[in-house]
C-alpha atoms as a PDB file:
ATOM      1  CA  UNK A   1       0.190   0.398  -0.153  1.00  0.00           C
ATOM      2  CA  UNK A   2       1.532   3.396  -0.885  1.00  0.00           C
ATOM      3  CA  UNK A   3       1.210   6.460   0.876  1.00  0.00           C
ATOM      4  CA  UNK A   4      -0.996   7.752  -2.282  1.00  0.00           C
ATOM      5  CA  UNK A   5      -4.185   5.742  -1.589  1.00  0.00           C
ATOM      6  CA  UNK A   6      -6.796   6.832  -0.312  1.00  0.00           C
ATOM      7  CA  UNK A   7      -7.226   5.001   2.586  1.00  0.00           C
ATOM      8  CA  UNK A   8      -3.819   6.431   3.981  1.00  0.00           C
ATOM      9  CA  UNK A   9      -4.834   9.985   2.480  1.00  0.00           C
ATOM     10  CA  UNK A  10      -8.012   9.998   4.660  1.00  0.00           C
ATOM     11  CA  UNK A  11      -6.384   8.625   8.029  1.00  0.00           C
ATOM     12  CA  UNK A  12      -3.562  11.341   7.637  1.00  0.00           C
ATOM     13  CA  UNK A  13      -5.852  14.138   7.242  1.00  0.00           C
ATOM     14  CA  UNK A  14      -8.131  12.843  10.440  1.00  0.00           C
ATOM     15  CA  UNK A  15      -5.120  12.540  12.654  1.00  0.00           C
ATOM     16  CA  UNK A  16      -3.974  16.003  11.930  1.00  0.00           C
ATOM     17  CA  UNK A  17      -7.587  17.262  12.823  1.00  0.00           C
ATOM     18  CA  UNK A  18      -9.203  15.188  15.429  1.00  0.00           C
ATOM     19  CA  UNK A  19      -8.541  14.786  19.088  1.00  0.00           C
ATOM     20  CA  UNK A  20      -5.655  12.240  19.816  1.00  0.00           C
ATOM     21  CA  UNK A  21      -8.908  10.321  21.832  1.00  0.00           C
ATOM     22  CA  UNK A  22     -10.964  10.069  18.735  1.00  0.00           C
ATOM     23  CA  UNK A  23      -8.511   8.679  16.516  1.00  0.00           C
ATOM     24  CA  UNK A  24      -7.535   5.863  18.776  1.00  0.00           C
ATOM     25  CA  UNK A  25     -11.461   4.974  18.852  1.00  0.00           C
ATOM     26  CA  UNK A  26     -11.747   5.350  15.080  1.00  0.00           C
ATOM     27  CA  UNK A  27      -8.350   3.291  14.693  1.00  0.00           C
ATOM     28  CA  UNK A  28     -10.120   0.529  16.971  1.00  0.00           C
ATOM     29  CA  UNK A  29     -12.882   0.342  15.128  1.00  0.00           C
ATOM     30  CA  UNK A  30     -10.951   0.287  11.839  1.00  0.00           C
ATOM     31  CA  UNK A  31      -9.108  -3.091  13.096  1.00  0.00           C
ATOM     32  CA  UNK A  32     -11.779  -4.580  14.488  1.00  0.00           C
ATOM     33  CA  UNK A  33     -13.601  -4.238  11.005  1.00  0.00           C
ATOM     34  CA  UNK A  34     -10.292  -5.435   9.165  1.00  0.00           C
ATOM     35  CA  UNK A  35      -9.819  -8.451  11.912  1.00  0.00           C
ATOM     36  CA  UNK A  36     -13.807  -9.377  11.893  1.00  0.00           C
ATOM     37  CA  UNK A  37     -16.135  -7.639   9.247  1.00  0.00           C
ATOM     38  CA  UNK A  38     -19.658  -7.065  10.785  1.00  0.00           C
ATOM     39  CA  UNK A  39     -22.366  -5.547   9.899  1.00  0.00           C
ATOM     40  CA  UNK A  40     -23.507  -4.523  13.328  1.00  0.00           C
ATOM     41  CA  UNK A  41     -20.074  -3.179  14.145  1.00  0.00           C
ATOM     42  CA  UNK A  42     -19.746  -1.180  10.499  1.00  0.00           C
ATOM     43  CA  UNK A  43     -23.559   0.318  11.447  1.00  0.00           C
ATOM     44  CA  UNK A  44     -22.228   1.271  14.893  1.00  0.00           C
ATOM     45  CA  UNK A  45     -18.890   2.550  14.135  1.00  0.00           C
ATOM     46  CA  UNK A  46     -20.846   4.660  11.356  1.00  0.00           C
ATOM     47  CA  UNK A  47     -23.666   5.714  13.873  1.00  0.00           C
ATOM     48  CA  UNK A  48     -20.961   7.066  16.661  1.00  0.00           C
ATOM     49  CA  UNK A  49     -18.509   8.768  14.344  1.00  0.00           C
ATOM     50  CA  UNK A  50     -20.259  11.957  14.169  1.00  0.00           C
ATOM     51  CA  UNK A  51     -20.149  11.998  17.661  1.00  0.00           C
ATOM     52  CA  UNK A  52     -16.957  10.762  18.046  1.00  0.00           C
ATOM     53  CA  UNK A  53     -15.241  13.244  15.638  1.00  0.00           C
ATOM     54  CA  UNK A  54     -17.222  16.026  15.272  1.00  0.00           C
ATOM     55  CA  UNK A  55     -18.836  17.348  12.020  1.00  0.00           C
ATOM     56  CA  UNK A  56     -16.029  20.243  11.252  1.00  0.00           C
ATOM     57  CA  UNK A  57     -14.805  19.899   7.712  1.00  0.00           C
ATOM     58  CA  UNK A  58     -12.093  18.369   6.136  1.00  0.00           C
ATOM     59  CA  UNK A  59      -9.234  20.807   6.285  1.00  0.00           C
ATOM     60  CA  UNK A  60      -7.491  19.908   2.926  1.00  0.00           C
ATOM     61  CA  UNK A  61      -4.621  22.383   1.531  1.00  0.00           C
ATOM     62  CA  UNK A  62      -4.082  22.544  -2.375  1.00  0.00           C
ATOM     63  CA  UNK A  63      -1.038  20.304  -1.571  1.00  0.00           C
ATOM     64  CA  UNK A  64      -3.968  17.377  -0.070  1.00  0.00           C
ATOM     65  CA  UNK A  65      -6.081  18.195  -3.128  1.00  0.00           C
ATOM     66  CA  UNK A  66      -3.012  17.477  -5.282  1.00  0.00           C
ATOM     67  CA  UNK A  67      -2.389  14.096  -3.493  1.00  0.00           C
ATOM     68  CA  UNK A  68      -6.374  12.991  -3.286  1.00  0.00           C
ATOM     69  CA  UNK A  69      -5.795  13.437  -7.280  1.00  0.00           C
ATOM     70  CA  UNK A  70      -3.310  11.357  -7.496  1.00  0.00           C
ATOM     71  CA  UNK A  71      -4.324   8.698  -5.444  1.00  0.00           C
ATOM     72  CA  UNK A  72      -7.777   8.340  -7.116  1.00  0.00           C
ATOM     73  CA  UNK A  73      -7.796  10.106 -10.947  1.00  0.00           C
ATOM     74  CA  UNK A  74     -10.673  12.764 -10.262  1.00  0.00           C
ATOM     75  CA  UNK A  75     -11.127  12.356  -6.619  1.00  0.00           C
ATOM     76  CA  UNK A  76     -12.067  15.881  -5.261  1.00  0.00           C
ATOM     77  CA  UNK A  77     -12.695  15.879  -1.686  1.00  0.00           C
ATOM     78  CA  UNK A  78     -13.180  19.043  -1.149  1.00  0.00           C
ATOM     79  CA  UNK A  79     -16.313  19.799   1.517  1.00  0.00           C
ATOM     80  CA  UNK A  80     -16.203  16.500   3.128  1.00  0.00           C
ATOM     81  CA  UNK A  81     -16.549  16.431   6.809  1.00  0.00           C
ATOM     82  CA  UNK A  82     -14.322  14.688   9.461  1.00  0.00           C
ATOM     83  CA  UNK A  83     -17.513  12.191  10.436  1.00  0.00           C
ATOM     84  CA  UNK A  84     -17.749  11.265   6.769  1.00  0.00           C
ATOM     85  CA  UNK A  85     -14.430  10.415   5.970  1.00  0.00           C
ATOM     86  CA  UNK A  86     -14.286   7.994   9.005  1.00  0.00           C
ATOM     87  CA  UNK A  87     -17.643   6.448   7.711  1.00  0.00           C
ATOM     88  CA  UNK A  88     -16.172   6.160   4.306  1.00  0.00           C
ATOM     89  CA  UNK A  89     -12.814   4.608   6.171  1.00  0.00           C
ATOM     90  CA  UNK A  90     -14.899   2.130   7.676  1.00  0.00           C
ATOM     91  CA  UNK A  91     -16.902   0.698   5.091  1.00  0.00           C
ATOM     92  CA  UNK A  92     -13.337   0.776   2.955  1.00  0.00           C
ATOM     93  CA  UNK A  93     -12.073  -1.222   6.034  1.00  0.00           C
ATOM     94  CA  UNK A  94     -15.056  -3.436   5.880  1.00  0.00           C
ATOM     95  CA  UNK A  95     -14.708  -4.399   1.872  1.00  0.00           C
ATOM     96  CA  UNK A  96     -10.665  -5.070   2.789  1.00  0.00           C
ATOM     97  CA  UNK A  97     -11.928  -7.827   4.896  1.00  0.00           C
ATOM     98  CA  UNK A  98     -14.936  -9.329   3.035  1.00  0.00           C
ATOM     99  CA  UNK A  99     -14.879  -7.590  -0.815  1.00  0.00           C
ATOM    100  CA  UNK A 100     -17.511 -10.162  -1.585  1.00  0.00           C
ATOM    101  CA  UNK A 101     -19.609  -8.406   0.389  1.00  0.00           C
ATOM    102  CA  UNK A 102     -18.767  -4.447   0.086  1.00  0.00           C
ATOM    103  CA  UNK A 103     -21.892  -4.089  -2.855  1.00  0.00           C
ATOM    104  CA  UNK A 104     -24.412  -5.647  -1.322  1.00  0.00           C
ATOM    105  CA  UNK A 105     -23.484  -3.981   2.257  1.00  0.00           C
ATOM    106  CA  UNK A 106     -22.823  -0.671   0.642  1.00  0.00           C
ATOM    107  CA  UNK A 107     -26.828  -0.928  -0.717  1.00  0.00           C
ATOM    108  CA  UNK A 108     -27.917  -2.231   2.822  1.00  0.00           C
ATOM    109  CA  UNK A 109     -26.785   0.901   4.240  1.00  0.00           C
ATOM    110  CA  UNK A 110     -27.907   3.479   1.990  1.00  0.00           C
ATOM    111  CA  UNK A 111     -31.500   2.019   2.064  1.00  0.00           C
ATOM    112  CA  UNK A 112     -31.765   2.439   6.105  1.00  0.00           C
ATOM    113  CA  UNK A 113     -29.157   5.785   6.352  1.00  0.00           C
ATOM    114  CA  UNK A 114     -30.310   8.913   7.464  1.00  0.00           C
ATOM    115  CA  UNK A 115     -29.386  12.129   5.399  1.00  0.00           C
ATOM    116  CA  UNK A 116     -25.857  12.095   6.644  1.00  0.00           C
ATOM    117  CA  UNK A 117     -24.910   8.561   6.678  1.00  0.00           C
ATOM    118  CA  UNK A 118     -26.318   8.776   3.278  1.00  0.00           C
ATOM    119  CA  UNK A 119     -24.003  11.783   1.770  1.00  0.00           C
ATOM    120  CA  UNK A 120     -20.942  10.064   3.267  1.00  0.00           C
ATOM    121  CA  UNK A 121     -21.672   6.654   1.954  1.00  0.00           C
ATOM    122  CA  UNK A 122     -22.401   8.392  -2.181  1.00  0.00           C
ATOM    123  CA  UNK A 123     -19.523  10.919  -1.477  1.00  0.00           C
ATOM    124  CA  UNK A 124     -17.266   7.625  -1.093  1.00  0.00           C
ATOM    125  CA  UNK A 125     -18.153   5.960  -4.487  1.00  0.00           C
ATOM    126  CA  UNK A 126     -15.031   6.875  -6.131  1.00  0.00           C
ATOM    127  CA  UNK A 127     -13.051   5.211  -3.769  1.00  0.00           C
ATOM    128  CA  UNK A 128     -14.850   1.584  -3.482  1.00  0.00           C
ATOM    129  CA  UNK A 129     -14.162  -1.635  -5.394  1.00  0.00           C
ATOM    130  CA  UNK A 130     -16.378  -3.124  -7.501  1.00  0.00           C
ATOM    131  CA  UNK A 131     -17.957   0.314  -8.872  1.00  0.00           C
ATOM    132  CA  UNK A 132     -19.558  -1.203 -11.749  1.00  0.00           C
ATOM    133  CA  UNK A 133     -22.200  -3.293  -9.232  1.00  0.00           C
ATOM    134  CA  UNK A 134     -22.641   0.040  -7.225  1.00  0.00           C
ATOM    135  CA  UNK A 135     -24.515   1.805  -9.931  1.00  0.00           C
ATOM    136  CA  UNK A 136     -27.996   0.565  -9.438  1.00  0.00           C
ATOM    137  CA  UNK A 137     -28.045   2.250  -5.971  1.00  0.00           C
ATOM    138  CA  UNK A 138     -26.007   5.536  -7.089  1.00  0.00           C
ATOM    139  CA  UNK A 139     -28.618   5.832  -9.217  1.00  0.00           C
ATOM    140  CA  UNK A 140     -31.101   5.757  -6.372  1.00  0.00           C
ATOM    141  CA  UNK A 141     -29.073   8.316  -4.865  1.00  0.00           C
ATOM    142  CA  UNK A 142     -29.752  10.451  -7.677  1.00  0.00           C
ATOM    143  CA  UNK A 143     -33.669  10.005  -7.341  1.00  0.00           C
ATOM    144  CA  UNK A 144     -33.297  11.639  -3.809  1.00  0.00           C
ATOM    145  CA  UNK A 145     -35.519  14.367  -2.704  1.00  0.00           C
ATOM    146  CA  UNK A 146     -32.709  15.478  -0.642  1.00  0.00           C
ATOM    147  CA  UNK A 147     -30.413  17.767  -2.669  1.00  0.00           C
ATOM    148  CA  UNK A 148     -27.477  17.184  -0.392  1.00  0.00           C
ATOM    149  CA  UNK A 149     -27.759  13.382  -1.188  1.00  0.00           C
ATOM    150  CA  UNK A 150     -28.027  13.753  -5.058  1.00  0.00           C
ATOM    151  CA  UNK A 151     -24.939  16.421  -4.830  1.00  0.00           C
ATOM    152  CA  UNK A 152     -23.237  13.715  -2.894  1.00  0.00           C
ATOM    153  CA  UNK A 153     -23.351  11.948  -5.959  1.00  0.00           C
ATOM    154  CA  UNK A 154     -23.489  14.008  -9.027  1.00  0.00           C
ATOM    155  CA  UNK A 155     -20.594  16.795  -7.603  1.00  0.00           C
ATOM    156  CA  UNK A 156     -17.129  16.714  -7.707  1.00  0.00           C
ATOM    157  CA  UNK A 157     -16.799  12.898  -8.129  1.00  0.00           C
ATOM    158  CA  UNK A 158     -15.310  11.067 -11.307  1.00  0.00           C
ATOM    159  CA  UNK A 159     -18.018   8.210 -10.582  1.00  0.00           C
ATOM    160  CA  UNK A 160     -21.019   9.235 -12.913  1.00  0.00           C
ATOM    161  CA  UNK A 161     -18.827  10.622 -15.758  1.00  0.00           C
ATOM    162  CA  UNK A 162     -17.089   7.059 -15.825  1.00  0.00           C
ATOM    163  CA  UNK A 163     -20.042   5.098 -15.263  1.00  0.00           C
ATOM    164  CA  UNK A 164     -23.352   6.657 -15.981  1.00  0.00           C
ATOM    165  CA  UNK A 165     -24.472   5.635 -19.796  1.00  0.00           C
ATOM    166  CA  UNK A 166     -26.108   8.624 -21.420  1.00  0.00           C
ATOM    167  CA  UNK A 167     -29.571   8.617 -20.591  1.00  0.00           C
ATOM    168  CA  UNK A 168     -28.769   8.161 -17.037  1.00  0.00           C
ATOM    169  CA  UNK A 169     -25.989  11.139 -17.098  1.00  0.00           C
ATOM    170  CA  UNK A 170     -28.804  13.450 -19.081  1.00  0.00           C
ATOM    171  CA  UNK A 171     -31.379  12.783 -16.416  1.00  0.00           C
ATOM    172  CA  UNK A 172     -28.989  13.381 -13.679  1.00  0.00           C
ATOM    173  CA  UNK A 173     -27.964  16.892 -15.590  1.00  0.00           C
ATOM    174  CA  UNK A 174     -31.701  18.109 -15.861  1.00  0.00           C
ATOM    175  CA  UNK A 175     -32.489  16.747 -12.253  1.00  0.00           C
ATOM    176  CA  UNK A 176     -29.605  19.017 -11.076  1.00  0.00           C
ATOM    177  CA  UNK A 177     -31.190  22.305 -13.087  1.00  0.00           C
ATOM    178  CA  UNK A 178     -34.381  20.949 -11.162  1.00  0.00           C
ATOM    179  CA  UNK A 179     -33.382  20.908  -7.726  1.00  0.00           C
ATOM    180  CA  UNK A 180     -31.492  24.253  -7.969  1.00  0.00           C
ATOM    181  CA  UNK A 181     -28.252  22.583  -8.003  1.00  0.00           C
ATOM    182  CA  UNK A 182     -24.971  24.205  -9.877  1.00  0.00           C
ATOM    183  CA  UNK A 183     -23.822  22.681 -12.677  1.00  0.00           C
ATOM    184  CA  UNK A 184     -20.124  23.247 -12.634  1.00  0.00           C
ATOM    185  CA  UNK A 185     -19.165  20.782 -10.008  1.00  0.00           C
ATOM    186  CA  UNK A 186     -20.077  18.125 -12.440  1.00  0.00           C
ATOM    187  CA  UNK A 187     -17.336  16.314 -13.745  1.00  0.00           C
ATOM    188  CA  UNK A 188     -17.185  15.832 -17.504  1.00  0.00           C
ATOM    189  CA  UNK A 189     -20.064  18.113 -17.805  1.00  0.00           C
ATOM    190  CA  UNK A 190     -18.114  19.256 -21.423  1.00  0.00           C
ATOM    191  CA  UNK A 191     -16.805  16.287 -22.475  1.00  0.00           C
ATOM    192  CA  UNK A 192     -20.169  14.307 -21.906  1.00  0.00           C
ATOM    193  CA  UNK A 193     -22.462  17.345 -23.488  1.00  0.00           C
ATOM    194  CA  UNK A 194     -24.511  15.325 -26.315  1.00  0.00           C
ATOM    195  CA  UNK A 195     -27.336  16.650 -28.655  1.00  0.00           C
ATOM    196  CA  UNK A 196     -30.257  14.874 -26.773  1.00  0.00           C
ATOM    197  CA  UNK A 197     -29.423  16.591 -23.902  1.00  0.00           C
ATOM    198  CA  UNK A 198     -29.170  20.104 -25.292  1.00  0.00           C
ATOM    199  CA  UNK A 199     -32.619  18.889 -26.553  1.00  0.00           C
ATOM    200  CA  UNK A 200     -34.162  18.046 -23.571  1.00  0.00           C
ATOM    201  CA  UNK A 201     -32.808  21.330 -21.539  1.00  0.00           C
ATOM    202  CA  UNK A 202     -34.402  23.669 -24.266  1.00  0.00           C
ATOM    203  CA  UNK A 203     -37.421  21.804 -23.668  1.00  0.00           C
ATOM    204  CA  UNK A 204     -36.817  22.470 -20.376  1.00  0.00           C
ATOM    205  CA  UNK A 205     -35.972  26.284 -20.685  1.00  0.00           C
ATOM    206  CA  UNK A 206     -39.474  26.762 -22.572  1.00  0.00           C
ATOM    207  CA  UNK A 207     -41.865  25.130 -19.895  1.00  0.00           C
ATOM    208  CA  UNK A 208     -39.762  27.438 -17.666  1.00  0.00           C
ATOM    209  CA  UNK A 209     -40.357  30.943 -19.303  1.00  0.00           C
ATOM    210  CA  UNK A 210     -43.755  29.736 -20.169  1.00  0.00           C
ATOM    211  CA  UNK A 211     -44.785  29.376 -16.114  1.00  0.00           C
ATOM    212  CA  UNK A 212     -42.971  32.583 -16.124  1.00  0.00           C
ATOM    213  CA  UNK A 213     -39.943  31.152 -14.122  1.00  0.00           C
ATOM    214  CA  UNK A 214     -36.263  31.701 -14.295  1.00  0.00           C
ATOM    215  CA  UNK A 215     -33.835  29.636 -16.472  1.00  0.00           C
ATOM    216  CA  UNK A 216     -30.598  29.187 -14.539  1.00  0.00           C
ATOM    217  CA  UNK A 217     -27.655  30.413 -17.002  1.00  0.00           C
ATOM    218  CA  UNK A 218     -25.568  27.808 -16.431  1.00  0.00           C
ATOM    219  CA  UNK A 219     -28.265  25.495 -18.497  1.00  0.00           C
ATOM    220  CA  UNK A 220     -26.989  26.901 -22.076  1.00  0.00           C
ATOM    221  CA  UNK A 221     -23.516  25.760 -20.929  1.00  0.00           C
ATOM    222  CA  UNK A 222     -24.810  22.162 -22.414  1.00  0.00           C
ATOM    223  CA  UNK A 223     -26.676  23.343 -25.296  1.00  0.00           C
ATOM    224  CA  UNK A 224     -24.223  25.866 -26.888  1.00  0.00           C
ATOM    225  CA  UNK A 225     -21.902  23.149 -28.514  1.00  0.00           C
ATOM    226  CA  UNK A 226     -25.346  21.841 -30.109  1.00  0.00           C
ATOM    227  CA  UNK A 227     -27.088  25.035 -31.102  1.00  0.00           C
ATOM    228  CA  UNK A 228     -28.446  25.870 -34.671  1.00  0.00           C
ATOM    229  CA  UNK A 229     -31.440  26.870 -35.892  1.00  0.00           C
ATOM    230  CA  UNK A 230     -34.362  27.410 -33.546  1.00  0.00           C
ATOM    231  CA  UNK A 231     -31.770  27.067 -30.405  1.00  0.00           C
ATOM    232  CA  UNK A 232     -29.994  30.121 -31.987  1.00  0.00           C
ATOM    233  CA  UNK A 233     -33.341  32.017 -31.250  1.00  0.00           C
ATOM    234  CA  UNK A 234     -33.561  30.957 -27.891  1.00  0.00           C
ATOM    235  CA  UNK A 235     -30.202  31.971 -26.910  1.00  0.00           C
ATOM    236  CA  UNK A 236     -30.994  35.635 -28.641  1.00  0.00           C
ATOM    237  CA  UNK A 237     -33.572  35.964 -26.163  1.00  0.00           C
ATOM    238  CA  UNK A 238     -31.130  35.065 -23.696  1.00  0.00           C
ATOM    239  CA  UNK A 239     -28.572  37.955 -24.772  1.00  0.00           C
ATOM    240  CA  UNK A 240     -30.893  40.330 -25.028  1.00  0.00           C
ATOM    241  CA  UNK A 241     -31.653  39.945 -21.385  1.00  0.00           C
ATOM    242  CA  UNK A 242     -31.581  42.482 -19.172  1.00  0.00           C
ATOM    243  CA  UNK A 243     -29.478  40.396 -16.297  1.00  0.00           C
ATOM    244  CA  UNK A 244     -25.894  40.386 -16.924  1.00  0.00           C
ATOM    245  CA  UNK A 245     -25.415  36.425 -16.293  1.00  0.00           C
ATOM    246  CA  UNK A 246     -27.678  35.540 -18.627  1.00  0.00           C
ATOM    247  CA  UNK A 247     -25.855  37.225 -21.358  1.00  0.00           C
ATOM    248  CA  UNK A 248     -22.628  36.061 -20.324  1.00  0.00           C
ATOM    249  CA  UNK A 249     -24.073  32.793 -20.423  1.00  0.00           C
ATOM    250  CA  UNK A 250     -25.350  33.766 -23.858  1.00  0.00           C
ATOM    251  CA  UNK A 251     -21.874  34.775 -25.197  1.00  0.00           C
ATOM    252  CA  UNK A 252     -20.603  31.488 -23.499  1.00  0.00           C
ATOM    253  CA  UNK A 253     -22.632  29.192 -25.514  1.00  0.00           C
ATOM    254  CA  UNK A 254     -22.793  30.937 -28.734  1.00  0.00           C
ATOM    255  CA  UNK A 255     -18.957  30.919 -28.885  1.00  0.00           C
ATOM    256  CA  UNK A 256     -18.988  27.313 -28.265  1.00  0.00           C
ATOM    257  CA  UNK A 257     -21.747  26.648 -31.381  1.00  0.00           C
ATOM    258  CA  UNK A 258     -20.032  27.647 -34.510  1.00  0.00           C
ATOM    259  CA  UNK A 259     -23.493  27.489 -36.600  1.00  0.00           C
ATOM    260  CA  UNK A 260     -24.213  30.051 -38.851  1.00  0.00           C
ATOM    261  CA  UNK A 261     -25.469  33.257 -37.221  1.00  0.00           C
ATOM    262  CA  UNK A 262     -23.431  33.136 -33.951  1.00  0.00           C
ATOM    263  CA  UNK A 263     -21.225  36.020 -35.327  1.00  0.00           C
ATOM    264  CA  UNK A 264     -23.976  38.246 -35.477  1.00  0.00           C
ATOM    265  CA  UNK A 265     -25.930  37.112 -32.259  1.00  0.00           C
ATOM    266  CA  UNK A 266     -22.501  37.492 -30.424  1.00  0.00           C
ATOM    267  CA  UNK A 267     -22.189  41.068 -31.680  1.00  0.00           C
ATOM    268  CA  UNK A 268     -24.884  42.117 -29.389  1.00  0.00           C
ATOM    269  CA  UNK A 269     -22.578  41.268 -26.593  1.00  0.00           C
ATOM    270  CA  UNK A 270     -19.331  42.827 -27.597  1.00  0.00           C
ATOM    271  CA  UNK A 271     -18.366  43.027 -24.105  1.00  0.00           C
ATOM    272  CA  UNK A 272     -19.043  39.570 -23.215  1.00  0.00           C
ATOM    273  CA  UNK A 273     -17.325  38.438 -26.335  1.00  0.00           C
ATOM    274  CA  UNK A 274     -13.898  40.291 -25.339  1.00  0.00           C
ATOM    275  CA  UNK A 275     -14.230  38.928 -21.675  1.00  0.00           C
ATOM    276  CA  UNK A 276     -14.036  35.415 -23.151  1.00  0.00           C
ATOM    277  CA  UNK A 277     -11.599  36.209 -25.964  1.00  0.00           C
ATOM    278  CA  UNK A 278      -9.393  37.527 -22.772  1.00  0.00           C
ATOM    279  CA  UNK A 279      -9.942  34.668 -20.362  1.00  0.00           C
ATOM    280  CA  UNK A 280     -11.481  36.811 -17.851  1.00  0.00           C
ATOM    281  CA  UNK A 281     -15.295  34.877 -19.055  1.00  0.00           C
ATOM    282  CA  UNK A 282     -15.826  31.411 -18.747  1.00  0.00           C
ATOM    283  CA  UNK A 283     -18.327  28.594 -17.303  1.00  0.00           C
ATOM    284  CA  UNK A 284     -16.318  28.555 -14.143  1.00  0.00           C
ATOM    285  CA  UNK A 285     -16.211  32.213 -13.393  1.00  0.00           C
ATOM    286  CA  UNK A 286     -19.924  32.559 -13.975  1.00  0.00           C
ATOM    287  CA  UNK A 287     -20.527  30.213 -12.055  1.00  0.00           C
ATOM    288  CA  UNK A 288     -18.525  31.517  -9.305  1.00  0.00           C
ATOM    289  CA  UNK A 289     -20.379  34.637  -9.423  1.00  0.00           C
ATOM    290  CA  UNK A 290     -23.914  33.238  -9.207  1.00  0.00           C
ATOM    291  CA  UNK A 291     -22.937  31.398  -6.443  1.00  0.00           C
ATOM    292  CA  UNK A 292     -21.451  34.907  -4.385  1.00  0.00           C
ATOM    293  CA  UNK A 293     -24.961  36.648  -5.195  1.00  0.00           C
ATOM    294  CA  UNK A 294     -27.095  33.643  -4.161  1.00  0.00           C
ATOM    295  CA  UNK A 295     -24.748  33.481  -0.653  1.00  0.00           C
ATOM    296  CA  UNK A 296     -25.103  37.018  -0.610  1.00  0.00           C
END
């Protein structure tokens, strides 16, 4: 086992942040699970983790995040809490001793979990073995009415990008918009864009407009590369919005299209087009500005 492996990273991060007695408790539980993989002991360890270690955010440096990505391509533990890390370690310890039971145990735990446990379990998806066996339960997480649970599957995880077929991927993107969740933290958003998704999102935008409801500027990120014909008329509507975020999104989407007529529409947005050329306007900077406004 190398120092770059996720288990050792999680343990090192927790040891750096948690109290000594809390870490002693956790190490004891992990050793017990590796020696005797009992479902009951696993459930007890996961249930007690918040009480023993607390719920503070994991304090991660840029170096820590680089180590995470090196240990598991795409793994991004930003936003994890110490109890979530401990819960994932507990399941991994169980799986080390009983790998044949991990997928079934994961499903069983998810079905009986409270919200906090579910978030931890789904955030650990990129780290579990036999990942193809977990896809059905991961899809159940996407169907959750709890936004935190949905985002534990969808956000900052390589699992959806690597495992979900086109239909499930498209449903995830639409669900994110439906529940008011940001698209930017979804890995593979641009590389997995597809014409069918663009059509689905255009229909969704029209439904929102017909009901007098706003449309997330991020929606157009998945439409832009496939925008042509009537979709350009939609982007012209967005380009003429009084909302600067919508105009920025229209400019970014139009710049990704290349269809006939896009240059003329971009001429409606000279400032935004210049910002795109300079690199100061990207989908990431737009998402950051939206997030800052929502939390202000």
